């Protein structure tokens, strides 16, 4: 299952210290050029999706919409999470490759 592979990789990135969560923390990572991939939960508000889509476009970070807040939180061993930032290029590339099914992810760049 590609969906589960991406969630497993998010968990590994969290344990490796290569993941940031939360609105302000992810925004800071995007502005500093540290965020290689930003994942926005599919059930996030339209305002949140637009904010991160625009910031990622400005700072050349990949941004995609995938899963829901519960799945993202469970994948990293935390409570519900709406926004995640992957700071490692290797993890980011692997996660994007595993999310190739159109029904699982919608690119919002």
N, C-alpha and C. Protein backbone atom coordinates (compact mmCIF):
# COMPACT_ATOMS: atom_id res chain seq x y z
N UNK A 1 0.83 -1.19 0.00
CA UNK A 1 0.00 0.00 0.00
C UNK A 1 0.88 1.25 0.00
N UNK A 2 0.77 2.04 -1.03
CA UNK A 2 1.57 3.26 -1.11
C UNK A 2 1.18 4.27 -0.05
N UNK A 3 -0.09 4.32 0.26
CA UNK A 3 -0.57 5.26 1.27
C UNK A 3 0.12 4.98 2.61
N UNK A 4 0.15 3.70 2.99
CA UNK A 4 0.77 3.35 4.26
C UNK A 4 2.28 3.58 4.23
N UNK A 5 2.89 3.40 3.08
CA UNK A 5 4.33 3.62 2.96
C UNK A 5 4.65 5.09 3.25
N UNK A 6 3.86 6.00 2.70
CA UNK A 6 4.10 7.43 2.93
C UNK A 6 3.92 7.77 4.40
N UNK A 7 2.89 7.22 5.02
CA UNK A 7 2.66 7.48 6.45
C UNK A 7 3.79 6.90 7.29
N UNK A 8 4.29 5.73 6.91
CA UNK A 8 5.41 5.13 7.64
C UNK A 8 6.66 6.00 7.51
N UNK A 9 6.87 6.55 6.32
CA UNK A 9 8.03 7.42 6.11
C UNK A 9 7.91 8.71 6.92
N UNK A 10 6.69 9.22 7.07
CA UNK A 10 6.49 10.40 7.92
C UNK A 10 6.87 10.08 9.36
N UNK A 11 6.51 8.88 9.82
CA UNK A 11 6.89 8.46 11.17
C UNK A 11 8.40 8.35 11.33
N UNK A 12 9.06 7.80 10.32
CA UNK A 12 10.52 7.69 10.38
C UNK A 12 11.17 9.07 10.38
N UNK A 13 10.63 9.98 9.57
CA UNK A 13 11.17 11.35 9.53
C UNK A 13 11.01 12.03 10.88
N UNK A 14 9.89 11.78 11.54
CA UNK A 14 9.65 12.36 12.86
C UNK A 14 10.68 11.83 13.86
N UNK A 15 10.90 10.51 13.85
CA UNK A 15 11.86 9.92 14.78
C UNK A 15 13.29 10.38 14.49
N UNK A 16 13.56 10.69 13.22
CA UNK A 16 14.90 11.14 12.83
C UNK A 16 15.10 12.64 13.08
N UNK A 17 14.04 13.31 13.51
CA UNK A 17 14.15 14.75 13.76
C UNK A 17 14.12 15.58 12.49
N UNK A 18 13.56 15.04 11.43
CA UNK A 18 13.53 15.73 10.13
C UNK A 18 12.12 16.20 9.77
N UNK A 19 11.28 16.41 10.79
CA UNK A 19 9.89 16.80 10.56
C UNK A 19 9.53 17.91 11.53
N UNK A 20 8.84 18.94 11.03
CA UNK A 20 8.33 20.00 11.89
C UNK A 20 6.82 20.04 11.73
N UNK A 21 6.13 20.38 12.81
CA UNK A 21 4.67 20.42 12.77
C UNK A 21 4.19 21.75 13.34
N UNK A 22 2.99 22.09 12.98
CA UNK A 22 2.40 23.31 13.51
C UNK A 22 2.57 24.48 12.55
N UNK A 23 1.57 25.32 12.54
CA UNK A 23 1.48 26.44 11.61
C UNK A 23 2.73 27.31 11.60
N UNK A 24 3.07 27.91 12.72
CA UNK A 24 4.19 28.87 12.77
C UNK A 24 5.54 28.19 12.55
N UNK A 25 5.73 27.00 13.09
CA UNK A 25 6.99 26.29 12.94
C UNK A 25 7.24 25.92 11.48
N UNK A 26 6.20 25.45 10.80
CA UNK A 26 6.35 25.09 9.38
C UNK A 26 6.58 26.34 8.54
N UNK A 27 5.84 27.42 8.83
CA UNK A 27 6.05 28.68 8.10
C UNK A 27 7.50 29.16 8.24
N UNK A 28 8.03 29.08 9.45
CA UNK A 28 9.41 29.50 9.69
C UNK A 28 10.38 28.65 8.88
N UNK A 29 10.15 27.33 8.84
CA UNK A 29 11.02 26.43 8.07
C UNK A 29 10.94 26.74 6.57
N UNK A 30 9.74 27.07 6.08
CA UNK A 30 9.58 27.42 4.67
C UNK A 30 10.35 28.71 4.36
N UNK A 31 10.18 29.70 5.21
CA UNK A 31 10.86 31.00 5.00
C UNK A 31 12.38 30.86 5.02
N UNK A 32 12.89 29.96 5.88
CA UNK A 32 14.34 29.76 5.99
C UNK A 32 14.89 28.82 4.93
N UNK A 33 14.01 28.26 4.11
CA UNK A 33 14.43 27.34 3.06
C UNK A 33 14.74 25.95 3.57
N UNK A 34 14.36 25.64 4.79
CA UNK A 34 14.63 24.33 5.37
C UNK A 34 13.59 23.28 5.00
N UNK A 35 12.36 23.70 4.76
CA UNK A 35 11.28 22.76 4.43
C UNK A 35 11.39 22.34 2.97
N UNK A 36 11.62 21.06 2.74
CA UNK A 36 11.71 20.52 1.38
C UNK A 36 10.33 20.10 0.87
N UNK A 37 9.43 19.76 1.79
CA UNK A 37 8.08 19.32 1.44
C UNK A 37 7.13 19.74 2.55
N UNK A 38 6.01 20.31 2.17
CA UNK A 38 4.97 20.67 3.13
C UNK A 38 3.73 19.84 2.79
N UNK A 39 3.20 19.16 3.79
CA UNK A 39 1.99 18.35 3.60
C UNK A 39 0.87 19.01 4.39
N UNK A 40 -0.21 19.33 3.68
CA UNK A 40 -1.39 19.94 4.28
C UNK A 40 -2.48 18.87 4.30
N UNK A 41 -3.14 18.70 5.44
CA UNK A 41 -4.23 17.73 5.55
C UNK A 41 -5.36 18.11 4.60
N UNK A 42 -5.98 17.10 4.01
CA UNK A 42 -7.09 17.34 3.07
C UNK A 42 -8.27 18.03 3.74
N UNK A 43 -8.41 17.82 5.06
CA UNK A 43 -9.55 18.44 5.76
C UNK A 43 -9.17 19.75 6.44
N UNK A 44 -8.05 20.35 6.03
CA UNK A 44 -7.66 21.67 6.54
C UNK A 44 -8.58 22.72 5.93
N UNK A 45 -8.64 23.88 6.56
CA UNK A 45 -9.50 24.95 6.05
C UNK A 45 -8.94 25.48 4.73
N UNK A 46 -9.81 26.05 3.93
CA UNK A 46 -9.39 26.62 2.64
C UNK A 46 -8.36 27.72 2.85
N UNK A 47 -8.52 28.49 3.94
CA UNK A 47 -7.59 29.58 4.24
C UNK A 47 -6.19 29.02 4.52
N UNK A 48 -6.11 27.94 5.28
CA UNK A 48 -4.82 27.31 5.59
C UNK A 48 -4.17 26.77 4.32
N UNK A 49 -4.97 26.10 3.48
CA UNK A 49 -4.43 25.55 2.24
C UNK A 49 -3.86 26.66 1.36
N UNK A 50 -4.60 27.76 1.23
CA UNK A 50 -4.15 28.88 0.40
C UNK A 50 -2.88 29.51 0.96
N UNK A 51 -2.85 29.69 2.28
CA UNK A 51 -1.69 30.31 2.92
C UNK A 51 -0.41 29.52 2.63
N UNK A 52 -0.48 28.20 2.81
CA UNK A 52 0.72 27.39 2.60
C UNK A 52 1.04 27.20 1.13
N UNK A 53 0.03 27.12 0.28
CA UNK A 53 0.27 27.02 -1.17
C UNK A 53 1.03 28.27 -1.63
N UNK A 54 0.57 29.45 -1.19
CA UNK A 54 1.22 30.70 -1.59
C UNK A 54 2.64 30.82 -1.03
N UNK A 55 2.83 30.48 0.25
CA UNK A 55 4.17 30.56 0.86
C UNK A 55 5.14 29.60 0.18
N UNK A 56 4.67 28.39 -0.09
CA UNK A 56 5.55 27.41 -0.72
C UNK A 56 5.92 27.84 -2.13
N UNK A 57 4.99 28.44 -2.85
CA UNK A 57 5.28 28.93 -4.20
C UNK A 57 6.32 30.06 -4.14
N UNK A 58 6.19 30.93 -3.16
CA UNK A 58 7.12 32.05 -3.01
C UNK A 58 8.53 31.57 -2.69
N UNK A 59 8.64 30.58 -1.82
CA UNK A 59 9.94 30.11 -1.35
C UNK A 59 10.41 28.81 -2.02
N UNK A 60 9.75 28.41 -3.10
CA UNK A 60 10.12 27.22 -3.87
C UNK A 60 10.19 25.93 -3.04
N UNK A 61 9.18 25.70 -2.24
CA UNK A 61 9.07 24.45 -1.49
C UNK A 61 7.91 23.65 -2.09
N UNK A 62 8.05 22.33 -2.13
CA UNK A 62 6.96 21.49 -2.61
C UNK A 62 5.84 21.50 -1.59
N UNK A 63 4.61 21.58 -2.08
CA UNK A 63 3.45 21.59 -1.20
C UNK A 63 2.41 20.64 -1.77
N UNK A 64 1.91 19.74 -0.95
CA UNK A 64 0.86 18.86 -1.42
C UNK A 64 -0.17 18.61 -0.33
N UNK A 65 -1.33 18.20 -0.79
CA UNK A 65 -2.45 17.93 0.10
C UNK A 65 -2.65 16.42 0.14
N UNK A 66 -2.62 15.84 1.34
CA UNK A 66 -2.75 14.40 1.44
C UNK A 66 -3.30 13.99 2.80
N UNK A 67 -4.01 12.89 2.82
CA UNK A 67 -4.54 12.28 4.04
C UNK A 67 -5.47 13.23 4.79
N UNK A 68 -5.73 12.96 6.05
CA UNK A 68 -6.52 13.87 6.88
C UNK A 68 -5.75 14.11 8.17
N UNK A 69 -6.26 15.01 8.98
CA UNK A 69 -5.52 15.41 10.18
C UNK A 69 -5.29 14.26 11.15
N UNK A 70 -6.24 13.34 11.25
CA UNK A 70 -6.10 12.19 12.16
C UNK A 70 -4.99 11.25 11.66
N UNK A 71 -5.00 10.94 10.37
CA UNK A 71 -3.99 10.05 9.80
C UNK A 71 -2.59 10.64 9.93
N UNK A 72 -2.46 11.94 9.68
CA UNK A 72 -1.15 12.59 9.81
C UNK A 72 -0.66 12.54 11.26
N UNK A 73 -1.55 12.82 12.20
CA UNK A 73 -1.17 12.78 13.61
C UNK A 73 -0.76 11.40 14.06
N UNK A 74 -1.55 10.39 13.66
CA UNK A 74 -1.24 9.02 14.05
C UNK A 74 0.08 8.56 13.45
N UNK A 75 0.37 9.00 12.23
CA UNK A 75 1.60 8.58 11.56
C UNK A 75 2.85 9.03 12.31
N UNK A 76 2.76 10.17 12.98
CA UNK A 76 3.94 10.69 13.67
C UNK A 76 3.86 10.51 15.18
N UNK A 77 2.82 9.82 15.64
CA UNK A 77 2.70 9.54 17.07
C UNK A 77 2.26 10.72 17.90
N UNK A 78 1.51 11.63 17.31
CA UNK A 78 1.02 12.82 18.01
C UNK A 78 -0.49 12.90 17.86
N UNK A 79 -1.07 13.94 18.45
CA UNK A 79 -2.49 14.18 18.25
C UNK A 79 -2.70 14.71 16.83
N UNK A 80 -3.91 15.05 16.47
CA UNK A 80 -4.22 15.51 15.12
C UNK A 80 -3.28 16.61 14.65
N UNK A 81 -2.83 16.50 13.42
CA UNK A 81 -1.94 17.50 12.82
C UNK A 81 -2.49 17.89 11.45
N UNK A 82 -2.54 19.20 11.19
CA UNK A 82 -3.06 19.72 9.92
C UNK A 82 -1.92 20.01 8.95
N UNK A 83 -0.75 20.35 9.48
CA UNK A 83 0.36 20.77 8.62
C UNK A 83 1.67 20.13 9.09
N UNK A 84 2.41 19.57 8.14
CA UNK A 84 3.71 18.95 8.44
C UNK A 84 4.74 19.49 7.45
N UNK A 85 5.94 19.70 7.92
CA UNK A 85 7.03 20.12 7.05
C UNK A 85 8.18 19.13 7.15
N UNK A 86 8.59 18.57 6.02
CA UNK A 86 9.70 17.62 5.97
C UNK A 86 10.96 18.41 5.62
N UNK A 87 11.99 18.32 6.47
CA UNK A 87 13.20 19.13 6.28
C UNK A 87 14.34 18.35 5.64
N UNK A 88 14.15 17.10 5.33
CA UNK A 88 15.19 16.28 4.71
C UNK A 88 14.81 15.98 3.27
N UNK A 89 15.70 16.26 2.34
CA UNK A 89 15.42 16.07 0.91
C UNK A 89 15.15 14.61 0.56
N UNK A 90 15.86 13.70 1.18
CA UNK A 90 15.67 12.27 0.90
C UNK A 90 14.29 11.78 1.32
N UNK A 91 13.88 12.14 2.53
CA UNK A 91 12.55 11.77 2.98
C UNK A 91 11.48 12.42 2.09
N UNK A 92 11.68 13.69 1.75
CA UNK A 92 10.70 14.41 0.93
C UNK A 92 10.53 13.72 -0.42
N UNK A 93 11.63 13.36 -1.05
CA UNK A 93 11.58 12.70 -2.36
C UNK A 93 10.86 11.36 -2.26
N UNK A 94 11.17 10.57 -1.25
CA UNK A 94 10.55 9.26 -1.08
C UNK A 94 9.05 9.38 -0.83
N UNK A 95 8.66 10.35 -0.04
CA UNK A 95 7.23 10.54 0.27
C UNK A 95 6.48 10.96 -0.99
N UNK A 96 7.02 11.88 -1.76
CA UNK A 96 6.36 12.32 -3.00
C UNK A 96 6.25 11.15 -3.97
N UNK A 97 7.30 10.34 -4.11
CA UNK A 97 7.26 9.19 -5.01
C UNK A 97 6.21 8.17 -4.59
N UNK A 98 6.02 8.00 -3.28
CA UNK A 98 5.05 7.00 -2.81
C UNK A 98 3.61 7.49 -2.95
N UNK A 99 3.44 8.78 -3.18
CA UNK A 99 2.10 9.35 -3.32
C UNK A 99 1.77 9.62 -4.79
N UNK A 100 1.90 8.62 -5.64
CA UNK A 100 1.67 8.83 -7.06
C UNK A 100 0.24 8.57 -7.49
N UNK A 101 -0.56 7.96 -6.65
CA UNK A 101 -1.95 7.70 -6.98
C UNK A 101 -2.75 9.00 -6.91
N UNK A 102 -3.44 9.39 -7.99
CA UNK A 102 -4.22 10.65 -7.99
C UNK A 102 -5.30 10.69 -6.92
N UNK A 103 -5.84 9.54 -6.54
CA UNK A 103 -6.90 9.54 -5.54
C UNK A 103 -6.36 9.79 -4.13
N UNK A 104 -5.05 9.60 -3.93
CA UNK A 104 -4.47 9.76 -2.60
C UNK A 104 -3.91 11.15 -2.35
N UNK A 105 -3.61 11.88 -3.40
CA UNK A 105 -2.95 13.16 -3.21
C UNK A 105 -3.40 14.13 -4.29
N UNK A 106 -3.50 15.37 -3.91
CA UNK A 106 -3.81 16.44 -4.87
C UNK A 106 -2.74 17.50 -4.74
N UNK A 107 -1.98 17.73 -5.79
CA UNK A 107 -0.93 18.75 -5.74
C UNK A 107 -1.58 20.13 -5.69
N UNK A 108 -1.05 20.98 -4.82
CA UNK A 108 -1.64 22.32 -4.69
C UNK A 108 -0.61 23.41 -4.92
N UNK A 109 0.42 23.12 -5.78
CA UNK A 109 1.37 24.18 -6.02
C UNK A 109 0.95 25.09 -7.12
